[in-house]
N, C-alpha and C. Protein backbone atom coordinates (compact mmCIF):
# COMPACT_ATOMS: atom_id res chain seq x y z
N UNK A 1 0.85 -1.18 0.00
CA UNK A 1 0.00 0.00 0.00
C UNK A 1 0.89 1.23 0.00
N UNK A 2 0.63 2.14 -0.88
CA UNK A 2 1.41 3.36 -0.94
C UNK A 2 0.84 4.39 0.02
N UNK A 3 1.74 5.29 0.42
CA UNK A 3 1.32 6.42 1.25
C UNK A 3 0.22 7.17 0.53
N UNK A 4 -0.85 7.43 1.23
CA UNK A 4 -1.94 8.17 0.61
C UNK A 4 -2.65 9.00 1.67
N UNK A 5 -2.26 10.25 1.73
CA UNK A 5 -2.91 11.15 2.68
C UNK A 5 -4.40 11.27 2.37
N UNK A 6 -4.75 11.27 1.10
CA UNK A 6 -6.15 11.39 0.70
C UNK A 6 -6.96 10.19 1.19
N UNK A 7 -6.40 8.98 1.01
CA UNK A 7 -7.11 7.78 1.45
C UNK A 7 -7.21 7.76 2.98
N UNK A 8 -6.19 8.20 3.65
CA UNK A 8 -6.22 8.27 5.11
C UNK A 8 -7.33 9.22 5.57
N UNK A 9 -7.46 10.34 4.90
CA UNK A 9 -8.52 11.30 5.24
C UNK A 9 -9.91 10.71 4.96
N UNK A 10 -10.02 9.94 3.88
CA UNK A 10 -11.28 9.26 3.58
C UNK A 10 -11.65 8.30 4.71
N UNK A 11 -10.67 7.53 5.18
CA UNK A 11 -10.92 6.60 6.28
C UNK A 11 -11.37 7.34 7.53
N UNK A 12 -10.77 8.49 7.81
CA UNK A 12 -11.20 9.28 8.97
C UNK A 12 -12.63 9.78 8.80
N UNK A 13 -12.98 10.17 7.58
CA UNK A 13 -14.36 10.62 7.34
C UNK A 13 -15.35 9.47 7.51
N UNK A 14 -14.99 8.31 7.02
CA UNK A 14 -15.86 7.13 7.17
C UNK A 14 -15.98 6.73 8.64
N UNK A 15 -14.89 6.83 9.37
CA UNK A 15 -14.93 6.55 10.81
C UNK A 15 -15.88 7.52 11.51
N UNK A 16 -15.84 8.77 11.07
CA UNK A 16 -16.73 9.78 11.67
C UNK A 16 -18.19 9.41 11.46
N UNK A 17 -18.52 8.80 10.33
CA UNK A 17 -19.90 8.36 10.10
C UNK A 17 -20.31 7.32 11.15
N UNK A 18 -19.41 6.39 11.45
CA UNK A 18 -19.71 5.41 12.50
C UNK A 18 -19.84 6.09 13.87
N UNK A 19 -19.02 7.09 14.11
CA UNK A 19 -19.11 7.83 15.38
C UNK A 19 -20.44 8.55 15.51
N UNK A 20 -20.92 9.12 14.42
CA UNK A 20 -22.21 9.81 14.44
C UNK A 20 -23.33 8.81 14.73
N UNK A 21 -23.28 7.67 14.08
CA UNK A 21 -24.28 6.63 14.35
C UNK A 21 -24.21 6.20 15.81
N UNK A 22 -23.02 6.01 16.31
CA UNK A 22 -22.83 5.62 17.71
C UNK A 22 -23.46 6.65 18.64
N UNK A 23 -23.20 7.91 18.40
CA UNK A 23 -23.76 8.98 19.24
C UNK A 23 -25.28 8.98 19.22
N UNK A 24 -25.85 8.77 18.05
CA UNK A 24 -27.31 8.82 17.93
C UNK A 24 -27.98 7.60 18.53
N UNK A 25 -27.30 6.46 18.50
CA UNK A 25 -27.91 5.20 18.93
C UNK A 25 -27.63 4.84 20.39
N UNK A 26 -26.58 5.38 20.96
CA UNK A 26 -26.08 4.93 22.24
C UNK A 26 -27.10 5.01 23.39
N UNK A 27 -27.92 6.02 23.38
CA UNK A 27 -28.85 6.22 24.49
C UNK A 27 -30.14 5.42 24.36
N UNK A 28 -30.35 4.74 23.25
CA UNK A 28 -31.57 3.98 23.04
C UNK A 28 -31.41 2.57 23.63
N UNK A 29 -32.02 2.31 24.79
CA UNK A 29 -31.83 1.01 25.44
C UNK A 29 -32.49 -0.14 24.67
N UNK A 30 -33.36 0.18 23.71
CA UNK A 30 -34.00 -0.90 22.94
C UNK A 30 -33.05 -1.49 21.89
N UNK A 31 -31.97 -0.78 21.58
CA UNK A 31 -31.01 -1.29 20.60
C UNK A 31 -30.03 -2.23 21.29
N UNK A 32 -29.74 -3.34 20.65
CA UNK A 32 -28.79 -4.29 21.26
C UNK A 32 -27.37 -3.71 21.33
N UNK A 33 -26.65 -4.15 22.34
CA UNK A 33 -25.25 -3.73 22.49
C UNK A 33 -24.42 -4.08 21.27
N UNK A 34 -24.81 -5.13 20.56
CA UNK A 34 -24.06 -5.54 19.38
C UNK A 34 -23.98 -4.42 18.34
N UNK A 35 -25.05 -3.65 18.21
CA UNK A 35 -25.07 -2.56 17.23
C UNK A 35 -24.15 -1.42 17.68
N UNK A 36 -24.20 -1.11 18.97
CA UNK A 36 -23.34 -0.06 19.51
C UNK A 36 -21.88 -0.48 19.38
N UNK A 37 -21.58 -1.70 19.78
CA UNK A 37 -20.22 -2.22 19.69
C UNK A 37 -19.70 -2.27 18.27
N UNK A 38 -20.58 -2.61 17.33
CA UNK A 38 -20.20 -2.67 15.92
C UNK A 38 -19.72 -1.31 15.43
N UNK A 39 -20.50 -0.27 15.70
CA UNK A 39 -20.12 1.06 15.22
C UNK A 39 -18.85 1.56 15.93
N UNK A 40 -18.68 1.24 17.20
CA UNK A 40 -17.45 1.63 17.91
C UNK A 40 -16.25 0.90 17.31
N UNK A 41 -16.39 -0.40 17.09
CA UNK A 41 -15.29 -1.18 16.51
C UNK A 41 -14.94 -0.67 15.13
N UNK A 42 -15.97 -0.42 14.30
CA UNK A 42 -15.73 0.05 12.94
C UNK A 42 -15.02 1.40 12.93
N UNK A 43 -15.43 2.29 13.81
CA UNK A 43 -14.79 3.60 13.87
C UNK A 43 -13.32 3.46 14.23
N UNK A 44 -13.03 2.68 15.26
CA UNK A 44 -11.63 2.52 15.68
C UNK A 44 -10.82 1.82 14.60
N UNK A 45 -11.38 0.81 13.99
CA UNK A 45 -10.66 0.11 12.91
C UNK A 45 -10.28 1.08 11.81
N UNK A 46 -11.21 1.90 11.37
CA UNK A 46 -10.94 2.85 10.28
C UNK A 46 -9.93 3.91 10.71
N UNK A 47 -10.01 4.35 11.95
CA UNK A 47 -9.08 5.37 12.45
C UNK A 47 -7.66 4.80 12.47
N UNK A 48 -7.49 3.59 13.00
CA UNK A 48 -6.16 2.98 13.04
C UNK A 48 -5.62 2.74 11.64
N UNK A 49 -6.49 2.30 10.74
CA UNK A 49 -6.07 2.09 9.35
C UNK A 49 -5.71 3.41 8.68
N UNK A 50 -6.36 4.50 9.08
CA UNK A 50 -6.01 5.82 8.53
C UNK A 50 -4.58 6.19 8.91
N UNK A 51 -4.19 5.95 10.14
CA UNK A 51 -2.82 6.26 10.58
C UNK A 51 -1.83 5.40 9.80
N UNK A 52 -2.12 4.11 9.67
CA UNK A 52 -1.24 3.22 8.92
C UNK A 52 -1.14 3.64 7.45
N UNK A 53 -2.28 3.95 6.85
CA UNK A 53 -2.32 4.37 5.45
C UNK A 53 -1.53 5.66 5.25
N UNK A 54 -1.66 6.57 6.19
CA UNK A 54 -0.96 7.85 6.10
C UNK A 54 0.55 7.66 6.01
N UNK A 55 1.04 6.58 6.58
CA UNK A 55 2.48 6.30 6.56
C UNK A 55 2.86 5.24 5.53
N UNK A 56 1.90 4.80 4.74
CA UNK A 56 2.21 3.81 3.72
C UNK A 56 2.46 2.42 4.26
N UNK A 57 1.91 2.11 5.43
CA UNK A 57 2.09 0.79 6.03
C UNK A 57 0.96 -0.13 5.62
N UNK A 58 1.31 -1.35 5.19
CA UNK A 58 0.34 -2.34 4.77
C UNK A 58 -0.24 -3.04 5.99
N UNK A 59 -1.56 -3.16 6.03
CA UNK A 59 -2.20 -3.81 7.17
C UNK A 59 -3.03 -5.02 6.79
N UNK A 60 -3.15 -5.33 5.54
CA UNK A 60 -3.92 -6.51 5.13
C UNK A 60 -5.40 -6.36 5.41
N UNK A 61 -6.11 -7.43 5.18
CA UNK A 61 -7.56 -7.44 5.36
C UNK A 61 -7.86 -7.98 6.75
N UNK A 62 -8.12 -7.08 7.68
CA UNK A 62 -8.38 -7.51 9.04
C UNK A 62 -9.35 -6.57 9.73
N UNK A 63 -10.09 -7.15 10.66
CA UNK A 63 -10.96 -6.37 11.55
C UNK A 63 -10.41 -6.43 12.97
N UNK A 64 -9.28 -7.11 13.14
CA UNK A 64 -8.72 -7.36 14.46
C UNK A 64 -7.97 -6.13 14.97
N UNK A 65 -8.54 -5.48 15.97
CA UNK A 65 -7.93 -4.26 16.51
C UNK A 65 -6.59 -4.54 17.16
N UNK A 66 -6.44 -5.71 17.79
CA UNK A 66 -5.16 -6.06 18.41
C UNK A 66 -4.05 -6.12 17.36
N UNK A 67 -4.36 -6.68 16.19
CA UNK A 67 -3.37 -6.75 15.10
C UNK A 67 -2.97 -5.36 14.64
N UNK A 68 -3.95 -4.49 14.48
CA UNK A 68 -3.66 -3.13 14.02
C UNK A 68 -2.83 -2.37 15.05
N UNK A 69 -3.17 -2.53 16.33
CA UNK A 69 -2.40 -1.87 17.39
C UNK A 69 -0.97 -2.41 17.45
N UNK A 70 -0.83 -3.71 17.27
CA UNK A 70 0.50 -4.34 17.28
C UNK A 70 1.34 -3.82 16.11
N UNK A 71 0.73 -3.68 14.95
CA UNK A 71 1.43 -3.17 13.77
C UNK A 71 1.89 -1.73 13.99
N UNK A 72 1.03 -0.92 14.58
CA UNK A 72 1.41 0.46 14.88
C UNK A 72 2.59 0.49 15.86
N UNK A 73 2.51 -0.29 16.92
CA UNK A 73 3.59 -0.32 17.91
C UNK A 73 4.89 -0.83 17.29
N UNK A 74 4.80 -1.83 16.43
CA UNK A 74 6.00 -2.40 15.78
C UNK A 74 6.67 -1.38 14.87
N UNK A 75 5.93 -0.36 14.45
CA UNK A 75 6.49 0.66 13.58
C UNK A 75 6.79 1.96 14.31
N UNK A 76 6.91 1.86 15.63
CA UNK A 76 7.39 2.99 16.41
C UNK A 76 6.35 3.95 16.93
N UNK A 77 5.08 3.66 16.72
CA UNK A 77 4.04 4.54 17.25
C UNK A 77 3.90 4.31 18.75
N UNK A 78 3.86 5.39 19.50
CA UNK A 78 3.65 5.31 20.93
C UNK A 78 2.16 5.32 21.20
N UNK A 79 1.67 4.19 21.67
CA UNK A 79 0.24 4.04 21.91
C UNK A 79 -0.05 4.15 23.39
N UNK A 80 -1.05 4.91 23.76
CA UNK A 80 -1.45 4.94 25.16
C UNK A 80 -1.83 3.54 25.63
N UNK A 81 -1.44 3.18 26.82
CA UNK A 81 -1.70 1.85 27.37
C UNK A 81 -3.20 1.52 27.33
N UNK A 82 -4.02 2.51 27.56
CA UNK A 82 -5.47 2.28 27.59
C UNK A 82 -6.02 1.81 26.25
N UNK A 83 -5.28 2.00 25.16
CA UNK A 83 -5.76 1.54 23.86
C UNK A 83 -5.85 0.02 23.80
N UNK A 84 -5.09 -0.67 24.65
CA UNK A 84 -5.15 -2.12 24.65
C UNK A 84 -6.56 -2.61 24.97
N UNK A 85 -7.31 -1.82 25.71
CA UNK A 85 -8.70 -2.16 26.03
C UNK A 85 -9.58 -2.16 24.78
N UNK A 86 -9.20 -1.39 23.78
CA UNK A 86 -9.99 -1.33 22.54
C UNK A 86 -10.10 -2.70 21.88
N UNK A 87 -9.13 -3.56 22.16
CA UNK A 87 -9.15 -4.92 21.58
C UNK A 87 -10.46 -5.63 21.90
N UNK A 88 -11.07 -5.28 23.02
CA UNK A 88 -12.32 -5.92 23.44
C UNK A 88 -13.43 -5.72 22.42
N UNK A 89 -13.31 -4.74 21.55
CA UNK A 89 -14.35 -4.46 20.56
C UNK A 89 -14.24 -5.33 19.32
N UNK A 90 -13.14 -6.02 19.13
CA UNK A 90 -12.93 -6.82 17.91
C UNK A 90 -14.08 -7.78 17.60
N UNK A 91 -14.61 -8.52 18.57
CA UNK A 91 -15.69 -9.48 18.23
C UNK A 91 -16.95 -8.82 17.65
N UNK A 92 -17.11 -7.53 17.86
CA UNK A 92 -18.29 -6.84 17.34
C UNK A 92 -18.23 -6.68 15.82
N UNK A 93 -17.05 -6.78 15.23
CA UNK A 93 -16.89 -6.59 13.78
C UNK A 93 -17.55 -7.71 13.00
N UNK A 94 -17.37 -8.94 13.45
CA UNK A 94 -17.88 -10.08 12.70
C UNK A 94 -18.67 -11.02 13.61
N UNK A 95 -18.05 -11.48 14.67
CA UNK A 95 -18.66 -12.52 15.51
C UNK A 95 -20.07 -12.15 15.97
N UNK A 96 -20.21 -11.01 16.62
CA UNK A 96 -21.52 -10.62 17.14
C UNK A 96 -22.40 -10.01 16.07
N UNK A 97 -21.82 -9.64 14.95
CA UNK A 97 -22.57 -8.99 13.88
C UNK A 97 -23.23 -10.01 12.96
N UNK A 98 -22.53 -11.10 12.67
CA UNK A 98 -23.01 -12.05 11.67
C UNK A 98 -23.35 -13.43 12.22
N UNK A 99 -23.04 -13.65 13.47
CA UNK A 99 -23.33 -14.94 14.08
C UNK A 99 -24.45 -14.77 15.09
N UNK A 100 -25.26 -15.80 15.25
CA UNK A 100 -26.32 -15.77 16.25
C UNK A 100 -25.77 -16.36 17.54
N UNK A 101 -24.95 -15.56 18.19
CA UNK A 101 -24.31 -16.03 19.41
C UNK A 101 -24.54 -15.00 20.51
N UNK A 102 -24.56 -15.46 21.74
CA UNK A 102 -24.78 -14.52 22.84
C UNK A 102 -23.58 -13.59 23.01
N UNK A 103 -23.87 -12.40 23.49
CA UNK A 103 -22.83 -11.41 23.73
C UNK A 103 -22.09 -11.82 24.99
N UNK A 104 -20.94 -12.47 24.83
CA UNK A 104 -20.13 -12.89 25.97
C UNK A 104 -18.78 -12.20 25.88
N UNK A 105 -18.48 -11.42 26.89
CA UNK A 105 -17.23 -10.68 26.96
C UNK A 105 -16.58 -10.94 28.31
N UNK A 106 -15.31 -10.57 28.43
CA UNK A 106 -14.60 -10.78 29.69
C UNK A 106 -15.13 -9.88 30.81
N UNK A 107 -15.78 -8.79 30.45
CA UNK A 107 -16.46 -7.95 31.43
C UNK A 107 -17.66 -7.30 30.75
N UNK A 108 -18.63 -6.82 31.53
CA UNK A 108 -19.85 -6.26 30.93
C UNK A 108 -19.53 -5.13 29.94
N UNK A 109 -20.34 -5.07 28.91
CA UNK A 109 -20.16 -4.06 27.87
C UNK A 109 -20.72 -2.73 28.37
N UNK A 110 -19.93 -1.69 28.23
CA UNK A 110 -20.31 -0.35 28.64
C UNK A 110 -20.34 0.53 27.39
N UNK A 111 -21.52 0.91 26.97
CA UNK A 111 -21.70 1.70 25.75
C UNK A 111 -20.93 3.02 25.81
N UNK A 112 -20.92 3.64 26.97
CA UNK A 112 -20.28 4.94 27.10
C UNK A 112 -18.75 4.80 27.12
N UNK A 113 -18.26 3.69 27.65
CA UNK A 113 -16.82 3.39 27.54
C UNK A 113 -16.45 3.26 26.07
N UNK A 114 -17.29 2.56 25.29
CA UNK A 114 -17.00 2.37 23.86
C UNK A 114 -16.93 3.71 23.15
N UNK A 115 -17.88 4.59 23.43
CA UNK A 115 -17.88 5.93 22.81
C UNK A 115 -16.63 6.70 23.20
N UNK A 116 -16.27 6.66 24.49
CA UNK A 116 -15.08 7.37 24.95
C UNK A 116 -13.81 6.79 24.35
N UNK A 117 -13.79 5.49 24.16
CA UNK A 117 -12.63 4.83 23.56
C UNK A 117 -12.44 5.33 22.12
N UNK A 118 -13.51 5.42 21.38
CA UNK A 118 -13.45 5.93 20.00
C UNK A 118 -12.91 7.36 20.00
N UNK A 119 -13.43 8.16 20.90
CA UNK A 119 -13.01 9.57 20.97
C UNK A 119 -11.52 9.69 21.27
N UNK A 120 -11.02 8.89 22.19
CA UNK A 120 -9.60 8.94 22.55
C UNK A 120 -8.72 8.47 21.40
N UNK A 121 -9.14 7.41 20.72
CA UNK A 121 -8.35 6.91 19.58
C UNK A 121 -8.33 7.96 18.48
N UNK A 122 -9.48 8.60 18.21
CA UNK A 122 -9.51 9.64 17.18
C UNK A 122 -8.58 10.79 17.54
N UNK A 123 -8.63 11.26 18.78
CA UNK A 123 -7.76 12.38 19.19
C UNK A 123 -6.30 12.03 19.00
N UNK A 124 -5.93 10.82 19.43
CA UNK A 124 -4.54 10.36 19.27
C UNK A 124 -4.17 10.31 17.79
N UNK A 125 -5.05 9.74 16.97
CA UNK A 125 -4.76 9.57 15.54
C UNK A 125 -4.60 10.92 14.85
N UNK A 126 -5.49 11.84 15.12
CA UNK A 126 -5.39 13.15 14.47
C UNK A 126 -4.11 13.86 14.86
N UNK A 127 -3.74 13.78 16.12
CA UNK A 127 -2.49 14.39 16.59
C UNK A 127 -1.29 13.69 15.94
N UNK A 128 -1.33 12.38 15.89
CA UNK A 128 -0.23 11.60 15.30
C UNK A 128 -0.08 11.91 13.82
N UNK A 129 -1.19 12.02 13.12
CA UNK A 129 -1.12 12.30 11.69
C UNK A 129 -0.62 13.72 11.43
N UNK A 130 -0.97 14.66 12.30
CA UNK A 130 -0.43 16.03 12.16
C UNK A 130 1.08 16.02 12.36
N UNK A 131 1.52 15.23 13.35
CA UNK A 131 2.96 15.15 13.65
C UNK A 131 3.74 14.41 12.58
N UNK A 132 3.07 13.55 11.80
CA UNK A 132 3.72 12.75 10.78
C UNK A 132 3.25 13.13 9.38
N UNK A 133 3.16 14.40 9.12
CA UNK A 133 2.67 14.85 7.81
C UNK A 133 3.56 14.40 6.67
N UNK A 134 4.81 14.08 6.96
CA UNK A 134 5.71 13.61 5.92
C UNK A 134 5.41 12.18 5.48
N UNK A 135 4.58 11.48 6.26
CA UNK A 135 4.16 10.16 5.86
C UNK A 135 5.04 9.03 6.32
N UNK A 136 6.08 9.29 7.08
CA UNK A 136 6.94 8.21 7.57
C UNK A 136 6.53 7.84 9.00
N UNK A 137 6.48 6.54 9.31
CA UNK A 137 6.20 6.13 10.67
C UNK A 137 7.33 6.57 11.59
N UNK A 138 7.06 6.76 12.87
CA UNK A 138 8.10 7.23 13.80
C UNK A 138 9.30 6.30 13.84
N UNK A 139 9.09 4.99 13.66
CA UNK A 139 10.19 4.03 13.69
C UNK A 139 10.93 3.97 12.38
N UNK A 140 10.44 4.70 11.37
CA UNK A 140 11.09 4.72 10.07
C UNK A 140 10.85 3.47 9.24
N UNK A 141 10.03 2.55 9.74
CA UNK A 141 9.80 1.29 9.05
C UNK A 141 8.88 1.45 7.86
N UNK A 142 8.77 0.38 7.13
CA UNK A 142 7.85 0.33 5.99
C UNK A 142 6.79 -0.70 6.26
N UNK A 143 6.47 -1.49 5.28
CA UNK A 143 5.44 -2.51 5.41
C UNK A 143 5.91 -3.62 6.34
N UNK A 144 4.93 -4.17 7.04
CA UNK A 144 5.20 -5.34 7.91
C UNK A 144 4.37 -6.48 7.44
C-alpha cells in the first residue's frame, strides 16, 4: 500500500460516520449492544487504518484491533496503554454482527466506555497524523 494522505482522510471521514451513528444510537436502550459495539469497533478500525495508510504501512484485510495496534507499535508509534482495552471491541466486527451467538465478553459491555474509547483513539490519531505529515512512521519502518 502506498502512502496516501487522501485515502487516510477518507478513512477518517468514514470513521466519523460510525461515530455519528454511535452517538445517535447509544442512548436507546432498545437497541442491542451488538449494534453499539459494531459502530465503535468500525470507527476505531478505520481510524487505526487511517494512521497506517498515512504512513504507507500495509495492514492486510483484518478487523482485528489487536493486530492493528500491534502493527502500529511495531512501527514505532507510541500508543497509550489504555488503547489495549480497545481490543475488546474486535468481536463486534464479525462474531456478534453475523453470528447468532450470545454477547459474551470478559467484562460487561459499557456503551459509554465504547464511545469514549473511539473519541480517545480519534484524538490520538489526528495528533499523530499532524505530527507525521511527511508520511513516515516514527520508527522509520515500511510494510510489515
